[in-house]
C-alpha atoms as a PDB file:
ATOM      1  CA  ALA A   1      17.515  -0.158 -13.419  1.00  0.00           C
ATOM      2  CA  GLU A   2      16.422   3.739 -12.481  1.00  0.00           C
ATOM      3  CA  THR A   3      20.007   6.228 -12.046  1.00  0.00           C
ATOM      4  CA  ARG A   4      19.488   9.224  -9.949  1.00  0.00           C
ATOM      5  CA  TRP A   5      22.005  12.301 -10.008  1.00  0.00           C
ATOM      6  CA  TYR A   6      22.606  14.345  -7.090  1.00  0.00           C
ATOM      7  CA  ASP A   7      24.310  17.771  -6.545  1.00  0.00           C
ATOM      8  CA  GLY A   8      25.987  17.516  -2.988  1.00  0.00           C
ATOM      9  CA  ASP A   9      29.738  18.566  -1.665  1.00  0.00           C
ATOM     10  CA  VAL A  10      31.942  16.587  -4.239  1.00  0.00           C
ATOM     11  CA  PRO A  11      34.498  17.203  -5.794  1.00  0.00           C
ATOM     12  CA  ASP A  12      33.088  16.619  -9.450  1.00  0.00           C
ATOM     13  CA  GLY A  13      29.385  18.385  -8.382  1.00  0.00           C
ATOM     14  CA  ALA A  14      27.638  15.084  -8.976  1.00  0.00           C
ATOM     15  CA  GLU A  15      27.117  11.609  -7.473  1.00  0.00           C
ATOM     16  CA  THR A  16      25.258   9.051  -8.778  1.00  0.00           C
ATOM     17  CA  THR A  17      23.316   6.225  -7.744  1.00  0.00           C
ATOM     18  CA  THR A  18      21.685   2.973  -9.343  1.00  0.00           C
ATOM     19  CA  THR A  19      19.286   0.675  -8.314  1.00  0.00           C
ATOM     20  CA  PRO A  20      17.444  -1.719  -9.764  1.00  0.00           C
ATOM     21  CA  VAL A  21      13.754  -1.698 -10.034  1.00  0.00           C
ATOM     22  CA  PHE A  22      10.776  -4.337 -11.339  1.00  0.00           C
ATOM     23  CA  GLY A  23       7.481  -5.574 -10.241  1.00  0.00           C
ATOM     24  CA  ILE A  24       5.665  -8.543 -11.100  1.00  0.00           C
ATOM     25  CA  ASP A  25       1.890  -9.538 -10.263  1.00  0.00           C
ATOM     26  CA  GLY A  26       0.589 -13.018 -10.729  1.00  0.00           C
ATOM     27  CA  SER A  27      -2.692 -14.804  -9.831  1.00  0.00           C
ATOM     28  CA  TRP A  28      -4.314 -17.918 -10.238  1.00  0.00           C
ATOM     29  CA  GLN A  29      -8.032 -19.390 -10.336  1.00  0.00           C
ATOM     30  CA  ALA A  30      -7.882 -22.358  -8.400  1.00  0.00           C
ATOM     31  CA  THR A  31     -11.396 -23.005  -8.810  1.00  0.00           C
ATOM     32  CA  ARG A  32     -14.325 -21.074 -10.127  1.00  0.00           C
ATOM     33  CA  SER A  33     -14.920 -19.517  -6.625  1.00  0.00           C
ATOM     34  CA  THR A  34     -11.030 -19.404  -5.111  1.00  0.00           C
ATOM     35  CA  SER A  35      -8.163 -16.864  -6.098  1.00  0.00           C
ATOM     36  CA  LEU A  36      -4.666 -16.731  -5.457  1.00  0.00           C
ATOM     37  CA  SER A  37      -2.610 -13.564  -6.145  1.00  0.00           C
ATOM     38  CA  LEU A  38       1.093 -12.693  -5.481  1.00  0.00           C
ATOM     39  CA  GLY A  39       2.978  -9.656  -5.913  1.00  0.00           C
ATOM     40  CA  LEU A  40       6.816  -8.881  -5.961  1.00  0.00           C
ATOM     41  CA  THR A  41       8.073  -4.965  -6.551  1.00  0.00           C
ATOM     42  CA  ARG A  42      11.061  -3.000  -5.968  1.00  0.00           C
ATOM     43  CA  ALA A  43      11.177   0.353  -6.247  1.00  0.00           C
ATOM     44  CA  VAL A  44      12.723   4.020  -5.549  1.00  0.00           C
ATOM     45  CA  GLN A  45      11.283   7.248  -4.354  1.00  0.00           C
ATOM     46  CA  GLN A  46      11.910  10.617  -3.126  1.00  0.00           C
ATOM     47  CA  SER A  47      11.396  10.897   0.715  1.00  0.00           C
ATOM     48  CA  ILE A  48       8.481  13.836   1.112  1.00  0.00           C
ATOM     49  CA  THR A  49       9.788  14.258   4.695  1.00  0.00           C
ATOM     50  CA  GLN A  50      13.519  14.526   4.147  1.00  0.00           C
ATOM     51  CA  PHE A  51      15.395  16.543   1.632  1.00  0.00           C
ATOM     52  CA  ASP A  52      17.705  14.582  -0.397  1.00  0.00           C
ATOM     53  CA  GLN A  53      17.122  11.296   0.644  1.00  0.00           C
ATOM     54  CA  ASN A  54      15.407   8.343  -1.387  1.00  0.00           C
ATOM     55  CA  ILE A  55      13.728   4.923  -0.308  1.00  0.00           C
ATOM     56  CA  ALA A  56      14.626   2.283  -1.751  1.00  0.00           C
ATOM     57  CA  THR A  57      11.243  -0.307  -1.355  1.00  0.00           C
ATOM     58  CA  THR A  58      10.863  -4.116  -2.005  1.00  0.00           C
ATOM     59  CA  MET A  59       7.294  -5.512  -1.168  1.00  0.00           C
ATOM     60  CA  ALA A  60       5.910  -8.909  -1.524  1.00  0.00           C
ATOM     61  CA  SER A  61       2.248  -9.928  -0.953  1.00  0.00           C
ATOM     62  CA  VAL A  62       0.649 -12.417  -1.007  1.00  0.00           C
ATOM     63  CA  GLY A  63      -3.551 -12.813  -1.388  1.00  0.00           C
ATOM     64  CA  LEU A  64      -6.651 -15.059  -0.910  1.00  0.00           C
ATOM     65  CA  SER A  65     -10.214 -14.119  -2.548  1.00  0.00           C
ATOM     66  CA  GLN A  66     -12.826 -16.642  -1.752  1.00  0.00           C
ATOM     67  CA  GLN A  67     -16.215 -16.348  -3.606  1.00  0.00           C
ATOM     68  CA  LEU A  68     -19.240 -17.904  -1.092  1.00  0.00           C
ATOM     69  CA  ARG A  69     -22.701 -17.691  -1.968  1.00  0.00           C
ATOM     70  CA  GLY A  70     -25.581 -14.392  -2.197  1.00  0.00           C
ATOM     71  CA  GLY A  71     -22.855 -12.203  -3.515  1.00  0.00           C
ATOM     72  CA  ARG A  72     -20.500 -12.416  -0.560  1.00  0.00           C
ATOM     73  CA  SER A  73     -16.801 -13.388  -0.541  1.00  0.00           C
ATOM     74  CA  ALA A  74     -13.823 -13.446   1.800  1.00  0.00           C
ATOM     75  CA  LYS A  75     -10.272 -11.848   1.547  1.00  0.00           C
ATOM     76  CA  ILE A  76      -6.553 -12.449   3.325  1.00  0.00           C
ATOM     77  CA  ASN A  77      -3.589 -10.936   2.564  1.00  0.00           C
ATOM     78  CA  TYR A  78      -0.202 -10.541   3.763  1.00  0.00           C
ATOM     79  CA  ARG A  79       2.342  -8.248   2.507  1.00  0.00           C
ATOM     80  CA  TYR A  80       5.793  -7.447   3.533  1.00  0.00           C
ATOM     81  CA  GLU A  81       7.791  -4.361   2.816  1.00  0.00           C
ATOM     82  CA  PHE A  82      11.320  -3.521   3.303  1.00  0.00           C
ATOM     83  CA  ALA A  83      11.679   0.382   3.066  1.00  0.00           C
ATOM     84  CA  ASP A  84      15.498   1.787   3.020  1.00  0.00           C
ATOM     85  CA  TYR A  85      15.977   5.389   3.709  1.00  0.00           C
ATOM     86  CA  ASP A  86      19.347   6.473   1.812  1.00  0.00           C
ATOM     87  CA  ASP A  87      20.418  10.027   2.816  1.00  0.00           C
ATOM     88  CA  ASN A  88      22.487  11.408  -0.426  1.00  0.00           C
ATOM     89  CA  SER A  89      23.238  14.802   0.673  1.00  0.00           C
ATOM     90  CA  ASN A  90      26.656  14.137   2.237  1.00  0.00           C
ATOM     91  CA  THR A  91      26.079  17.292   4.762  1.00  0.00           C
ATOM     92  CA  VAL A  92      26.450  18.122   8.087  1.00  0.00           C
ATOM     93  CA  GLY A  93      23.579  17.413  10.071  1.00  0.00           C
ATOM     94  CA  SER A  94      21.289  15.431   7.410  1.00  0.00           C
ATOM     95  CA  ALA A  95      18.612  12.734   8.419  1.00  0.00           C
ATOM     96  CA  ALA A  96      20.143   9.556   8.635  1.00  0.00           C
ATOM     97  CA  SER A  97      19.428   6.401   6.922  1.00  0.00           C
ATOM     98  CA  ARG A  98      17.165   4.240   8.342  1.00  0.00           C
ATOM     99  CA  LYS A  99      15.716   0.332   7.276  1.00  0.00           C
ATOM    100  CA  ASP A 100      12.006   0.009   7.997  1.00  0.00           C
ATOM    101  CA  ASN A 101      10.445  -3.903   8.187  1.00  0.00           C
ATOM    102  CA  TYR A 102       6.576  -3.138   7.134  1.00  0.00           C
ATOM    103  CA  HIS A 103       3.953  -6.401   7.781  1.00  0.00           C
ATOM    104  CA  GLN A 104       0.218  -5.915   7.375  1.00  0.00           C
ATOM    105  CA  PHE A 105      -2.429  -8.331   7.584  1.00  0.00           C
ATOM    106  CA  GLY A 106      -5.885  -7.840   6.404  1.00  0.00           C
ATOM    107  CA  ALA A 107      -8.989  -9.820   6.580  1.00  0.00           C
ATOM    108  CA  SER A 108     -12.335  -8.891   4.905  1.00  0.00           C
ATOM    109  CA  LEU A 109     -15.872 -10.024   4.526  1.00  0.00           C
ATOM    110  CA  ASP A 110     -17.417  -8.358   1.445  1.00  0.00           C
ATOM    111  CA  GLN A 111     -21.048  -8.222   0.696  1.00  0.00           C
ATOM    112  CA  ARG A 112     -22.379  -7.170  -3.177  1.00  0.00           C
ATOM    113  CA  LEU A 113     -24.734  -5.027  -2.644  1.00  0.00           C
ATOM    114  CA  ASP A 114     -27.367  -4.257  -6.046  1.00  0.00           C
ATOM    115  CA  PHE A 115     -28.109  -0.319  -6.243  1.00  0.00           C
ATOM    116  CA  GLU A 116     -29.335   0.789  -9.402  1.00  0.00           C
ATOM    117  CA  SER A 117     -26.936   3.712  -9.633  1.00  0.00           C
ATOM    118  CA  PHE A 118     -24.369   1.688  -8.896  1.00  0.00           C
ATOM    119  CA  PRO A 119     -24.157  -1.950  -9.881  1.00  0.00           C
ATOM    120  CA  ASP A 120     -20.882  -2.612  -8.458  1.00  0.00           C
ATOM    121  CA  ALA A 121     -21.533  -1.436  -4.827  1.00  0.00           C
ATOM    122  CA  THR A 122     -19.823  -3.335  -1.910  1.00  0.00           C
ATOM    123  CA  LEU A 123     -20.333  -3.571   2.184  1.00  0.00           C
ATOM    124  CA  SER A 124     -17.234  -4.829   3.686  1.00  0.00           C
ATOM    125  CA  VAL A 125     -16.392  -5.768   7.330  1.00  0.00           C
ATOM    126  CA  PHE A 126     -12.107  -5.675   7.993  1.00  0.00           C
ATOM    127  CA  TYR A 127      -9.665  -6.305  10.042  1.00  0.00           C
ATOM    128  CA  ASN A 128      -6.076  -5.121   9.784  1.00  0.00           C
ATOM    129  CA  TYR A 129      -2.821  -4.931  11.443  1.00  0.00           C
ATOM    130  CA  ASN A 130       0.032  -2.750  10.631  1.00  0.00           C
ATOM    131  CA  ALA A 131       3.262  -3.224  12.186  1.00  0.00           C
ATOM    132  CA  ASN A 132       6.405  -1.410  11.045  1.00  0.00           C
ATOM    133  CA  LEU A 133       9.924  -2.336  12.898  1.00  0.00           C
ATOM    134  CA  SER A 134      12.192  -0.389  12.395  1.00  0.00           C
ATOM    135  CA  ASP A 135      16.266   0.493  13.574  1.00  0.00           C
ATOM    136  CA  SER A 136      14.779   4.189  14.324  1.00  0.00           C
ATOM    137  CA  PRO A 137      13.031   2.655  17.684  1.00  0.00           C
ATOM    138  CA  LEU A 138      11.047   5.823  17.990  1.00  0.00           C
ATOM    139  CA  LEU A 139       9.448   5.177  14.493  1.00  0.00           C
ATOM    140  CA  GLU A 140       8.115   1.323  15.392  1.00  0.00           C
ATOM    141  CA  TYR A 141       4.369   0.793  15.992  1.00  0.00           C
ATOM    142  CA  TYR A 142       1.527  -1.465  15.930  1.00  0.00           C
ATOM    143  CA  GLN A 143      -1.704  -0.704  14.713  1.00  0.00           C
ATOM    144  CA  HIS A 144      -5.150  -2.783  14.758  1.00  0.00           C
ATOM    145  CA  LEU A 145      -8.348  -1.590  12.909  1.00  0.00           C
ATOM    146  CA  ILE A 146     -11.591  -3.271  12.439  1.00  0.00           C
ATOM    147  CA  GLY A 147     -14.241  -0.889  10.807  1.00  0.00           C
ATOM    148  CA  VAL A 148     -16.678  -0.946   7.921  1.00  0.00           C
ATOM    149  CA  ARG A 149     -16.241   0.126   4.572  1.00  0.00           C
ATOM    150  CA  MET A 150     -18.293   1.201   0.785  1.00  0.00           C
ATOM    151  CA  GLY A 151     -16.821   1.005  -1.994  1.00  0.00           C
ATOM    152  CA  PHE A 152     -18.489   2.216  -5.341  1.00  0.00           C
ATOM    153  CA  ALA A 153     -17.306   1.599  -8.734  1.00  0.00           C
ATOM    154  CA  PHE A 154     -18.362   3.504 -12.017  1.00  0.00           C
END
């Protein structure tokens, strides 16, 4: 559990909120070339854009990875995140609370590269779909991303 104290316009000078936080991740190697991953987390963080506002997020994710021939792999994943923005200031003119439902779907085809200096280099072609469904219509968005990514491990 995480407890936060706030100085505000309350008679005794401080308010508290307690939120459960956790994280659990698991993976299953179904075959030598196929793996499945699952995750569930809950966290609280302070907003970087609003004073006296916290964001409690609950996230669930699932991913599937398949190793192919020739150093290739294919991956798909889905993540759902519920974000609850809580205004703790209790002051006039403070930011209103809001709730967002964020969906992310991704797929990639990766090719391992054999560079002498970087033995774990990877070249990827990917697609990501992101959607934020908010109770504040001005903050809703939908996004499609297609690209090429190169990664290096040291």
